[in-house]
Amino acid sequence: MLDDAGTAGNAESAGSTGDAEGAGTAGSRGRAGTAGTVGSGGTAGTVGSGGTVGSGLAVGSGVTAGGIPSRGRPYTVARAILRPLWRTIPRRALVTGAVLGLLFAGIPRLFSLRLDTWAGLNLLRAAALTFALGLAFLLDDPARHITAAVPTRRPVRVGLRVALVAPSAVLWWTAALFLIPEQARPPVGAVTLEAAATALLAPAAAAVMVRFTDRAEPGGAVCVGLLAMAVLAHLLLPERWTLFPAPFAPRWEGAHQTWAVILVAAALAGAWSCAEPLRRWRPAAFAHR
């Protein structure tokens, strides 16, 4: 009898132990499943739709530690990164280009000069080129390599930079046009097309350099290249291919058709270069193959 009772007791203890181990295993599995899935109201250690992990990072809310949403509505993302982007815009270069451009356009009024349409057109071209040289620095960001992995995509960041500057550029060009006396003012539509193509060419070239090189500040190289290209185009292109004809010259219409092509090509190249590449291209990569 005692042996049977002892045997039964041992069996019961073993069963209790097995149940406890099974419950512990189940609990461990449950906790692992909870940690790997989405719960509700979790805190540090438990990932939940309304929970937090570590230092107050909201999981599932789409907000990073810096307060910038990683996903969500475009308006919410744009509003969150607008102020940081405004602080990183190279305002000194932009203001310098704008002021120098207005000085070029204001020469007739500053010195009370009576100019013809050809002189007024050249002053506006010089003003547009000077302003474009300032726009070449628009994408400069000394912290580019530090912020390369931010959740907001590059097209959004570049688009917001352009959107912040575009209204000021329109107002600047309007002021430059009015600084030229009316008798010396060239056809507004044609010269505006030239200015728009020149202004868009600078940030488009900077976007191409950002995509294909490791430069954090491509503005200097783009500025030198744009200035050299403008001078060489004026000096080396023959008369039948010139981009800077006199008003109402035979080449006037053809030149502005070319300017329209340059404008579209610059816009397409800039938009294409804003996409973040899956793999950075380097010429040295071919040497290892």
C-alpha atoms as a PDB file:
ATOM      1  CA  MET A   1       0.000   0.000   0.000  1.00  0.00           C
ATOM      2  CA  LEU A   2       2.745   2.421   0.909  1.00  0.00           C
ATOM      3  CA  ASP A   3       4.625   1.570  -2.252  1.00  0.00           C
ATOM      4  CA  ASP A   4       1.560   2.185  -4.341  1.00  0.00           C
ATOM      5  CA  ALA A   5       0.946   5.486  -2.615  1.00  0.00           C
ATOM      6  CA  GLY A   6       4.548   6.542  -3.110  1.00  0.00           C
ATOM      7  CA  THR A   7       4.421   5.552  -6.760  1.00  0.00           C
ATOM      8  CA  ALA A   8       1.202   7.498  -7.218  1.00  0.00           C
ATOM      9  CA  GLY A   9       2.718  10.504  -5.452  1.00  0.00           C
ATOM     10  CA  ASN A  10       5.804  10.413  -7.630  1.00  0.00           C
ATOM     11  CA  ALA A  11       3.653  10.177 -10.732  1.00  0.00           C
ATOM     12  CA  GLU A  12       1.541  13.065  -9.549  1.00  0.00           C
ATOM     13  CA  SER A  13       4.655  15.133  -8.810  1.00  0.00           C
ATOM     14  CA  ALA A  14       6.087  14.292 -12.195  1.00  0.00           C
ATOM     15  CA  GLY A  15       2.826  15.257 -13.812  1.00  0.00           C
ATOM     16  CA  SER A  16       2.757  18.517 -11.910  1.00  0.00           C
ATOM     17  CA  THR A  17       6.335  19.200 -12.912  1.00  0.00           C
ATOM     18  CA  GLY A  18       5.533  18.402 -16.524  1.00  0.00           C
ATOM     19  CA  ASP A  19       2.533  20.679 -16.418  1.00  0.00           C
ATOM     20  CA  ALA A  20       4.650  23.456 -14.945  1.00  0.00           C
ATOM     21  CA  GLU A  21       7.348  22.969 -17.555  1.00  0.00           C
ATOM     22  CA  GLY A  22       4.701  22.905 -20.264  1.00  0.00           C
ATOM     23  CA  ALA A  23       3.178  26.058 -18.891  1.00  0.00           C
ATOM     24  CA  GLY A  24       6.591  27.694 -18.718  1.00  0.00           C
ATOM     25  CA  THR A  25       7.374  26.659 -22.251  1.00  0.00           C
ATOM     26  CA  ALA A  26       4.033  27.913 -23.415  1.00  0.00           C
ATOM     27  CA  GLY A  27       4.607  31.144 -21.529  1.00  0.00           C
ATOM     28  CA  SER A  28       8.018  31.534 -23.091  1.00  0.00           C
ATOM     29  CA  ARG A  29       6.557  30.899 -26.498  1.00  0.00           C
ATOM     30  CA  GLY A  30       3.786  33.334 -25.750  1.00  0.00           C
ATOM     31  CA  ARG A  31       6.231  36.002 -24.712  1.00  0.00           C
ATOM     32  CA  ALA A  32       8.331  35.392 -27.797  1.00  0.00           C
ATOM     33  CA  GLY A  33       5.274  35.620 -29.961  1.00  0.00           C
ATOM     34  CA  THR A  34       4.220  38.802 -28.240  1.00  0.00           C
ATOM     35  CA  ALA A  35       7.630  40.334 -28.797  1.00  0.00           C
ATOM     36  CA  GLY A  36       7.582  39.399 -32.467  1.00  0.00           C
ATOM     37  CA  THR A  37       4.030  40.507 -33.194  1.00  0.00           C
ATOM     38  CA  VAL A  38       2.053  43.649 -32.740  1.00  0.00           C
ATOM     39  CA  GLY A  39       0.237  43.990 -29.482  1.00  0.00           C
ATOM     40  CA  SER A  40      -1.455  46.979 -27.955  1.00  0.00           C
ATOM     41  CA  GLY A  41      -0.315  49.442 -25.383  1.00  0.00           C
ATOM     42  CA  GLY A  42       3.143  47.857 -25.091  1.00  0.00           C
ATOM     43  CA  THR A  43       6.118  49.606 -23.556  1.00  0.00           C
ATOM     44  CA  ALA A  44       9.887  49.024 -23.662  1.00  0.00           C
ATOM     45  CA  GLY A  45      10.511  45.388 -24.502  1.00  0.00           C
ATOM     46  CA  THR A  46       7.089  44.888 -26.050  1.00  0.00           C
ATOM     47  CA  VAL A  47       6.362  46.187 -29.515  1.00  0.00           C
ATOM     48  CA  GLY A  48       2.847  47.539 -29.770  1.00  0.00           C
ATOM     49  CA  SER A  49       0.885  49.718 -32.084  1.00  0.00           C
ATOM     50  CA  GLY A  50       0.788  52.442 -29.478  1.00  0.00           C
ATOM     51  CA  GLY A  51       3.917  51.461 -27.570  1.00  0.00           C
ATOM     52  CA  THR A  52       7.356  52.920 -27.289  1.00  0.00           C
ATOM     53  CA  VAL A  53      10.769  51.352 -27.466  1.00  0.00           C
ATOM     54  CA  GLY A  54      13.861  52.606 -25.710  1.00  0.00           C
ATOM     55  CA  SER A  55      14.055  56.399 -25.680  1.00  0.00           C
ATOM     56  CA  GLY A  56      10.498  57.262 -26.567  1.00  0.00           C
ATOM     57  CA  LEU A  57      10.495  56.151 -30.234  1.00  0.00           C
ATOM     58  CA  ALA A  58       6.954  55.503 -31.280  1.00  0.00           C
ATOM     59  CA  VAL A  59       6.590  52.218 -33.161  1.00  0.00           C
ATOM     60  CA  GLY A  60       3.905  52.049 -35.808  1.00  0.00           C
ATOM     61  CA  SER A  61       3.267  55.772 -35.696  1.00  0.00           C
ATOM     62  CA  GLY A  62       5.730  56.494 -38.528  1.00  0.00           C
ATOM     63  CA  VAL A  63       7.675  59.097 -36.523  1.00  0.00           C
ATOM     64  CA  THR A  64      11.428  58.924 -36.054  1.00  0.00           C
ATOM     65  CA  ALA A  65      13.345  60.005 -32.975  1.00  0.00           C
ATOM     66  CA  GLY A  66      13.926  63.468 -34.445  1.00  0.00           C
ATOM     67  CA  GLY A  67      10.220  64.089 -34.872  1.00  0.00           C
ATOM     68  CA  ILE A  68      10.292  63.642 -38.667  1.00  0.00           C
ATOM     69  CA  PRO A  69       7.703  61.182 -39.993  1.00  0.00           C
ATOM     70  CA  SER A  70       9.194  58.270 -41.891  1.00  0.00           C
ATOM     71  CA  ARG A  71       6.021  57.635 -43.832  1.00  0.00           C
ATOM     72  CA  GLY A  72       2.518  58.916 -44.044  1.00  0.00           C
ATOM     73  CA  ARG A  73       0.845  61.714 -45.901  1.00  0.00           C
ATOM     74  CA  PRO A  74       3.171  63.825 -48.053  1.00  0.00           C
ATOM     75  CA  TYR A  75       1.864  67.022 -46.472  1.00  0.00           C
ATOM     76  CA  THR A  76       2.764  65.777 -42.983  1.00  0.00           C
ATOM     77  CA  VAL A  77       6.262  64.770 -44.087  1.00  0.00           C
ATOM     78  CA  ALA A  78       6.847  68.079 -45.900  1.00  0.00           C
ATOM     79  CA  ARG A  79       5.663  70.149 -42.950  1.00  0.00           C
ATOM     80  CA  ALA A  80       7.904  68.249 -40.532  1.00  0.00           C
ATOM     81  CA  ILE A  81      11.148  68.654 -42.517  1.00  0.00           C
ATOM     82  CA  LEU A  82      10.463  72.160 -43.840  1.00  0.00           C
ATOM     83  CA  ARG A  83      12.215  74.001 -41.010  1.00  0.00           C
ATOM     84  CA  PRO A  84      15.349  71.788 -40.952  1.00  0.00           C
ATOM     85  CA  LEU A  85      15.677  72.151 -44.722  1.00  0.00           C
ATOM     86  CA  TRP A  86      15.347  75.928 -44.504  1.00  0.00           C
ATOM     87  CA  ARG A  87      18.253  76.031 -42.050  1.00  0.00           C
ATOM     88  CA  THR A  88      20.478  74.018 -44.415  1.00  0.00           C
ATOM     89  CA  ILE A  89      19.819  76.085 -47.561  1.00  0.00           C
ATOM     90  CA  PRO A  90      22.971  78.071 -48.527  1.00  0.00           C
ATOM     91  CA  ARG A  91      21.288  81.448 -48.276  1.00  0.00           C
ATOM     92  CA  ARG A  92      24.526  83.420 -48.519  1.00  0.00           C
ATOM     93  CA  ALA A  93      25.306  82.124 -52.021  1.00  0.00           C
ATOM     94  CA  LEU A  94      21.716  82.595 -53.160  1.00  0.00           C
ATOM     95  CA  VAL A  95      21.501  86.148 -51.847  1.00  0.00           C
ATOM     96  CA  THR A  96      24.866  87.035 -53.367  1.00  0.00           C
ATOM     97  CA  GLY A  97      23.802  85.814 -56.795  1.00  0.00           C
ATOM     98  CA  ALA A  98      20.469  87.605 -56.553  1.00  0.00           C
ATOM     99  CA  VAL A  99      22.011  90.921 -55.483  1.00  0.00           C
ATOM    100  CA  LEU A 100      24.699  90.855 -58.171  1.00  0.00           C
ATOM    101  CA  GLY A 101      22.094  89.984 -60.781  1.00  0.00           C
ATOM    102  CA  LEU A 102      19.921  92.922 -59.777  1.00  0.00           C
ATOM    103  CA  LEU A 103      22.969  95.180 -59.974  1.00  0.00           C
ATOM    104  CA  PHE A 104      23.512  94.097 -63.577  1.00  0.00           C
ATOM    105  CA  ALA A 105      19.870  94.729 -64.419  1.00  0.00           C
ATOM    106  CA  GLY A 106      19.849  98.058 -62.597  1.00  0.00           C
ATOM    107  CA  ILE A 107      22.856  99.563 -64.366  1.00  0.00           C
ATOM    108  CA  PRO A 108      20.712 101.718 -66.734  1.00  0.00           C
ATOM    109  CA  ARG A 109      18.764 103.243 -63.843  1.00  0.00           C
ATOM    110  CA  LEU A 110      21.802 103.616 -61.572  1.00  0.00           C
ATOM    111  CA  PHE A 111      23.753 105.602 -64.165  1.00  0.00           C
ATOM    112  CA  SER A 112      20.803 107.085 -66.111  1.00  0.00           C
ATOM    113  CA  LEU A 113      21.857 105.407 -69.344  1.00  0.00           C
ATOM    114  CA  ARG A 114      19.786 105.275 -72.502  1.00  0.00           C
ATOM    115  CA  LEU A 115      20.225 101.805 -73.953  1.00  0.00           C
ATOM    116  CA  ASP A 116      18.836  99.949 -76.933  1.00  0.00           C
ATOM    117  CA  THR A 117      17.138  96.530 -76.878  1.00  0.00           C
ATOM    118  CA  TRP A 118      20.372  94.665 -77.610  1.00  0.00           C
ATOM    119  CA  ALA A 119      22.098  96.166 -74.560  1.00  0.00           C
ATOM    120  CA  GLY A 120      19.067  95.537 -72.350  1.00  0.00           C
ATOM    121  CA  LEU A 121      18.952  91.912 -73.504  1.00  0.00           C
ATOM    122  CA  ASN A 122      22.619  91.374 -72.662  1.00  0.00           C
ATOM    123  CA  LEU A 123      22.142  92.900 -69.213  1.00  0.00           C
ATOM    124  CA  LEU A 124      19.250  90.557 -68.515  1.00  0.00           C
ATOM    125  CA  ARG A 125      21.283  87.601 -69.738  1.00  0.00           C
ATOM    126  CA  ALA A 126      24.134  88.565 -67.423  1.00  0.00           C
ATOM    127  CA  ALA A 127      21.686  88.948 -64.526  1.00  0.00           C
ATOM    128  CA  ALA A 128      20.117  85.537 -65.230  1.00  0.00           C
ATOM    129  CA  LEU A 129      23.519  83.858 -65.411  1.00  0.00           C
ATOM    130  CA  THR A 130      24.621  85.455 -62.148  1.00  0.00           C
ATOM    131  CA  PHE A 131      21.476  84.308 -60.389  1.00  0.00           C
ATOM    132  CA  ALA A 132      21.943  80.789 -61.809  1.00  0.00           C
ATOM    133  CA  LEU A 133      25.477  80.695 -60.413  1.00  0.00           C
ATOM    134  CA  GLY A 134      23.955  81.243 -56.981  1.00  0.00           C
ATOM    135  CA  LEU A 135      21.404  78.488 -57.609  1.00  0.00           C
ATOM    136  CA  ALA A 136      24.269  76.087 -58.325  1.00  0.00           C
ATOM    137  CA  PHE A 137      24.800  75.928 -54.541  1.00  0.00           C
ATOM    138  CA  LEU A 138      21.171  75.049 -53.788  1.00  0.00           C
ATOM    139  CA  LEU A 139      21.826  71.361 -53.107  1.00  0.00           C
ATOM    140  CA  ASP A 140      24.973  71.885 -51.039  1.00  0.00           C
ATOM    141  CA  ASP A 141      24.705  70.032 -47.737  1.00  0.00           C
ATOM    142  CA  PRO A 142      27.855  69.525 -45.622  1.00  0.00           C
ATOM    143  CA  ALA A 143      26.056  66.812 -43.630  1.00  0.00           C
ATOM    144  CA  ARG A 144      24.940  64.864 -46.691  1.00  0.00           C
ATOM    145  CA  HIS A 145      26.916  61.725 -45.811  1.00  0.00           C
ATOM    146  CA  ILE A 146      25.646  61.821 -42.232  1.00  0.00           C
ATOM    147  CA  THR A 147      21.993  62.166 -43.246  1.00  0.00           C
ATOM    148  CA  ALA A 148      22.175  59.754 -46.189  1.00  0.00           C
ATOM    149  CA  ALA A 149      20.009  57.219 -44.338  1.00  0.00           C
ATOM    150  CA  VAL A 150      17.214  59.533 -43.233  1.00  0.00           C
ATOM    151  CA  PRO A 151      13.737  58.057 -43.758  1.00  0.00           C
ATOM    152  CA  THR A 152      12.561  60.904 -45.997  1.00  0.00           C
ATOM    153  CA  ARG A 153      13.495  60.192 -49.599  1.00  0.00           C
ATOM    154  CA  ARG A 154      15.791  62.392 -51.635  1.00  0.00           C
ATOM    155  CA  PRO A 155      13.132  63.502 -54.185  1.00  0.00           C
ATOM    156  CA  VAL A 156      11.091  64.974 -51.324  1.00  0.00           C
ATOM    157  CA  ARG A 157      14.073  66.787 -49.844  1.00  0.00           C
ATOM    158  CA  VAL A 158      15.257  68.172 -53.195  1.00  0.00           C
ATOM    159  CA  GLY A 159      11.725  69.117 -54.216  1.00  0.00           C
ATOM    160  CA  LEU A 160      11.223  71.066 -51.006  1.00  0.00           C
ATOM    161  CA  ARG A 161      14.497  72.930 -51.520  1.00  0.00           C
ATOM    162  CA  VAL A 162      13.385  73.958 -54.994  1.00  0.00           C
ATOM    163  CA  ALA A 163       9.916  74.869 -53.724  1.00  0.00           C
ATOM    164  CA  LEU A 164      11.399  77.112 -51.030  1.00  0.00           C
ATOM    165  CA  VAL A 165      13.454  79.041 -53.580  1.00  0.00           C
ATOM    166  CA  ALA A 166      11.048  79.114 -56.548  1.00  0.00           C
ATOM    167  CA  PRO A 167       8.746  81.961 -55.335  1.00  0.00           C
ATOM    168  CA  SER A 168      11.733  84.154 -54.545  1.00  0.00           C
ATOM    169  CA  ALA A 169      13.194  83.411 -57.978  1.00  0.00           C
ATOM    170  CA  VAL A 170       9.972  84.490 -59.689  1.00  0.00           C
ATOM    171  CA  LEU A 171       9.877  87.732 -57.717  1.00  0.00           C
ATOM    172  CA  TRP A 172      13.556  88.327 -58.434  1.00  0.00           C
ATOM    173  CA  TRP A 173      13.118  87.916 -62.181  1.00  0.00           C
ATOM    174  CA  THR A 174      10.094  90.223 -62.182  1.00  0.00           C
ATOM    175  CA  ALA A 175      12.151  92.893 -60.427  1.00  0.00           C
ATOM    176  CA  ALA A 176      15.011  92.424 -62.912  1.00  0.00           C
ATOM    177  CA  LEU A 177      12.650  92.913 -65.845  1.00  0.00           C
ATOM    178  CA  PHE A 178      11.274  96.140 -64.403  1.00  0.00           C
ATOM    179  CA  LEU A 179      14.755  97.476 -63.735  1.00  0.00           C
ATOM    180  CA  ILE A 180      15.408  97.521 -67.484  1.00  0.00           C
ATOM    181  CA  PRO A 181      13.883 100.670 -69.036  1.00  0.00           C
ATOM    182  CA  GLU A 182      10.915 100.017 -71.255  1.00  0.00           C
ATOM    183  CA  GLN A 183      12.606 101.199 -74.453  1.00  0.00           C
ATOM    184  CA  ALA A 184      15.518  98.798 -73.807  1.00  0.00           C
ATOM    185  CA  ARG A 185      13.426  95.841 -72.637  1.00  0.00           C
ATOM    186  CA  PRO A 186      13.605  92.824 -75.015  1.00  0.00           C
ATOM    187  CA  PRO A 187      10.670  90.472 -75.724  1.00  0.00           C
ATOM    188  CA  VAL A 188       9.720  89.259 -72.265  1.00  0.00           C
ATOM    189  CA  GLY A 189       8.635  85.743 -73.176  1.00  0.00           C
ATOM    190  CA  ALA A 190      11.800  84.860 -75.065  1.00  0.00           C
ATOM    191  CA  VAL A 191      14.228  86.241 -72.508  1.00  0.00           C
ATOM    192  CA  THR A 192      12.232  84.609 -69.683  1.00  0.00           C
ATOM    193  CA  LEU A 193      12.651  81.252 -71.440  1.00  0.00           C
ATOM    194  CA  GLU A 194      16.414  81.794 -71.534  1.00  0.00           C
ATOM    195  CA  ALA A 195      16.495  82.747 -67.862  1.00  0.00           C
ATOM    196  CA  ALA A 196      14.363  79.760 -66.813  1.00  0.00           C
ATOM    197  CA  ALA A 197      16.541  77.298 -68.729  1.00  0.00           C
ATOM    198  CA  THR A 198      19.719  78.795 -67.276  1.00  0.00           C
ATOM    199  CA  ALA A 199      18.319  78.817 -63.743  1.00  0.00           C
ATOM    200  CA  LEU A 200      17.121  75.203 -63.990  1.00  0.00           C
ATOM    201  CA  LEU A 201      20.344  73.981 -65.558  1.00  0.00           C
ATOM    202  CA  ALA A 202      22.380  74.837 -62.439  1.00  0.00           C
ATOM    203  CA  PRO A 203      20.491  72.741 -59.820  1.00  0.00           C
ATOM    204  CA  ALA A 204      19.993  69.964 -62.383  1.00  0.00           C
ATOM    205  CA  ALA A 205      23.756  69.721 -62.861  1.00  0.00           C
ATOM    206  CA  ALA A 206      24.196  69.743 -59.082  1.00  0.00           C
ATOM    207  CA  ALA A 207      21.680  66.898 -58.753  1.00  0.00           C
ATOM    208  CA  VAL A 208      23.598  64.865 -61.343  1.00  0.00           C
ATOM    209  CA  MET A 209      26.827  65.384 -59.403  1.00  0.00           C
ATOM    210  CA  VAL A 210      25.154  64.359 -56.148  1.00  0.00           C
ATOM    211  CA  ARG A 211      23.924  61.147 -57.752  1.00  0.00           C
ATOM    212  CA  PHE A 212      27.160  60.071 -59.407  1.00  0.00           C
ATOM    213  CA  THR A 213      29.836  61.428 -57.051  1.00  0.00           C
ATOM    214  CA  ASP A 214      30.552  61.597 -53.330  1.00  0.00           C
ATOM    215  CA  ARG A 215      30.567  65.407 -53.259  1.00  0.00           C
ATOM    216  CA  ALA A 216      28.571  66.834 -50.388  1.00  0.00           C
ATOM    217  CA  GLU A 217      28.842  70.350 -51.824  1.00  0.00           C
ATOM    218  CA  PRO A 218      28.809  70.264 -55.637  1.00  0.00           C
ATOM    219  CA  GLY A 219      27.990  73.961 -55.979  1.00  0.00           C
ATOM    220  CA  GLY A 220      31.541  75.173 -56.597  1.00  0.00           C
ATOM    221  CA  ALA A 221      32.218  72.742 -59.422  1.00  0.00           C
ATOM    222  CA  VAL A 222      28.818  73.381 -61.013  1.00  0.00           C
ATOM    223  CA  CYS A 223      29.329  77.144 -60.760  1.00  0.00           C
ATOM    224  CA  VAL A 224      32.699  76.993 -62.553  1.00  0.00           C
ATOM    225  CA  GLY A 225      31.358  74.595 -65.192  1.00  0.00           C
ATOM    226  CA  LEU A 226      28.257  76.679 -65.902  1.00  0.00           C
ATOM    227  CA  LEU A 227      30.249  79.881 -66.226  1.00  0.00           C
ATOM    228  CA  ALA A 228      32.802  78.238 -68.531  1.00  0.00           C
ATOM    229  CA  MET A 229      30.052  76.701 -70.652  1.00  0.00           C
ATOM    230  CA  ALA A 230      28.302  80.066 -71.067  1.00  0.00           C
ATOM    231  CA  VAL A 231      31.536  81.803 -72.109  1.00  0.00           C
ATOM    232  CA  LEU A 232      32.557  79.032 -74.524  1.00  0.00           C
ATOM    233  CA  ALA A 233      29.080  78.861 -76.063  1.00  0.00           C
ATOM    234  CA  HIS A 234      29.186  82.590 -76.715  1.00  0.00           C
ATOM    235  CA  LEU A 235      32.703  82.538 -78.180  1.00  0.00           C
ATOM    236  CA  LEU A 236      32.898  79.245 -80.068  1.00  0.00           C
ATOM    237  CA  LEU A 237      29.449  78.537 -81.470  1.00  0.00           C
ATOM    238  CA  PRO A 238      29.036  79.732 -85.068  1.00  0.00           C
ATOM    239  CA  GLU A 239      26.396  82.292 -85.939  1.00  0.00           C
ATOM    240  CA  ARG A 240      23.937  79.744 -87.285  1.00  0.00           C
ATOM    241  CA  TRP A 241      24.046  77.803 -83.979  1.00  0.00           C
ATOM    242  CA  THR A 242      24.385  80.644 -81.505  1.00  0.00           C
ATOM    243  CA  LEU A 243      22.303  80.619 -78.346  1.00  0.00           C
ATOM    244  CA  PHE A 244      22.591  84.364 -77.811  1.00  0.00           C
ATOM    245  CA  PRO A 245      21.251  86.070 -80.930  1.00  0.00           C
ATOM    246  CA  ALA A 246      20.286  89.713 -81.202  1.00  0.00           C
ATOM    247  CA  PRO A 247      16.573  90.561 -80.952  1.00  0.00           C
ATOM    248  CA  PHE A 248      14.699  89.843 -84.176  1.00  0.00           C
ATOM    249  CA  ALA A 249      17.774  88.284 -85.787  1.00  0.00           C
ATOM    250  CA  PRO A 250      17.215  85.380 -88.220  1.00  0.00           C
ATOM    251  CA  ARG A 251      18.416  82.947 -85.573  1.00  0.00           C
ATOM    252  CA  TRP A 252      16.069  84.352 -82.888  1.00  0.00           C
ATOM    253  CA  GLU A 253      13.279  81.764 -83.239  1.00  0.00           C
ATOM    254  CA  GLY A 254      15.619  78.817 -83.727  1.00  0.00           C
ATOM    255  CA  ALA A 255      17.723  79.790 -80.723  1.00  0.00           C
ATOM    256  CA  HIS A 256      14.707  79.868 -78.443  1.00  0.00           C
ATOM    257  CA  GLN A 257      13.553  76.505 -79.697  1.00  0.00           C
ATOM    258  CA  THR A 258      16.962  75.254 -78.584  1.00  0.00           C
ATOM    259  CA  TRP A 259      16.469  76.985 -75.221  1.00  0.00           C
ATOM    260  CA  ALA A 260      13.148  75.149 -74.835  1.00  0.00           C
ATOM    261  CA  VAL A 261      14.915  71.836 -75.466  1.00  0.00           C
ATOM    262  CA  ILE A 262      17.570  72.752 -72.889  1.00  0.00           C
ATOM    263  CA  LEU A 263      14.848  73.580 -70.359  1.00  0.00           C
ATOM    264  CA  VAL A 264      13.060  70.250 -70.830  1.00  0.00           C
ATOM    265  CA  ALA A 265      16.320  68.273 -70.820  1.00  0.00           C
ATOM    266  CA  ALA A 266      17.478  69.986 -67.621  1.00  0.00           C
ATOM    267  CA  ALA A 267      14.148  69.281 -65.925  1.00  0.00           C
ATOM    268  CA  LEU A 268      14.227  65.601 -66.923  1.00  0.00           C
ATOM    269  CA  ALA A 269      17.869  65.165 -65.919  1.00  0.00           C
ATOM    270  CA  GLY A 270      17.261  66.823 -62.570  1.00  0.00           C
ATOM    271  CA  ALA A 271      14.162  64.731 -61.854  1.00  0.00           C
ATOM    272  CA  TRP A 272      15.953  61.518 -62.823  1.00  0.00           C
ATOM    273  CA  SER A 273      18.995  62.358 -60.707  1.00  0.00           C
ATOM    274  CA  CYS A 274      16.846  63.014 -57.636  1.00  0.00           C
ATOM    275  CA  ALA A 275      15.978  59.321 -57.393  1.00  0.00           C
ATOM    276  CA  GLU A 276      18.244  57.515 -54.950  1.00  0.00           C
ATOM    277  CA  PRO A 277      20.337  54.874 -56.777  1.00  0.00           C
ATOM    278  CA  LEU A 278      20.367  51.304 -55.516  1.00  0.00           C
ATOM    279  CA  ARG A 279      24.112  51.196 -56.083  1.00  0.00           C
ATOM    280  CA  ARG A 280      26.472  54.144 -56.355  1.00  0.00           C
ATOM    281  CA  TRP A 281      28.337  54.201 -59.651  1.00  0.00           C
ATOM    282  CA  ARG A 282      32.071  54.762 -59.639  1.00  0.00           C
ATOM    283  CA  PRO A 283      34.460  54.525 -62.611  1.00  0.00           C
ATOM    284  CA  ALA A 284      36.966  52.623 -60.436  1.00  0.00           C
ATOM    285  CA  ALA A 285      34.468  49.784 -59.990  1.00  0.00           C
ATOM    286  CA  PHE A 286      35.171  48.557 -63.516  1.00  0.00           C
ATOM    287  CA  ALA A 287      38.854  48.107 -62.730  1.00  0.00           C
ATOM    288  CA  HIS A 288      38.116  45.220 -60.323  1.00  0.00           C
ATOM    289  CA  ARG A 289      36.194  43.180 -62.870  1.00  0.00           C
END
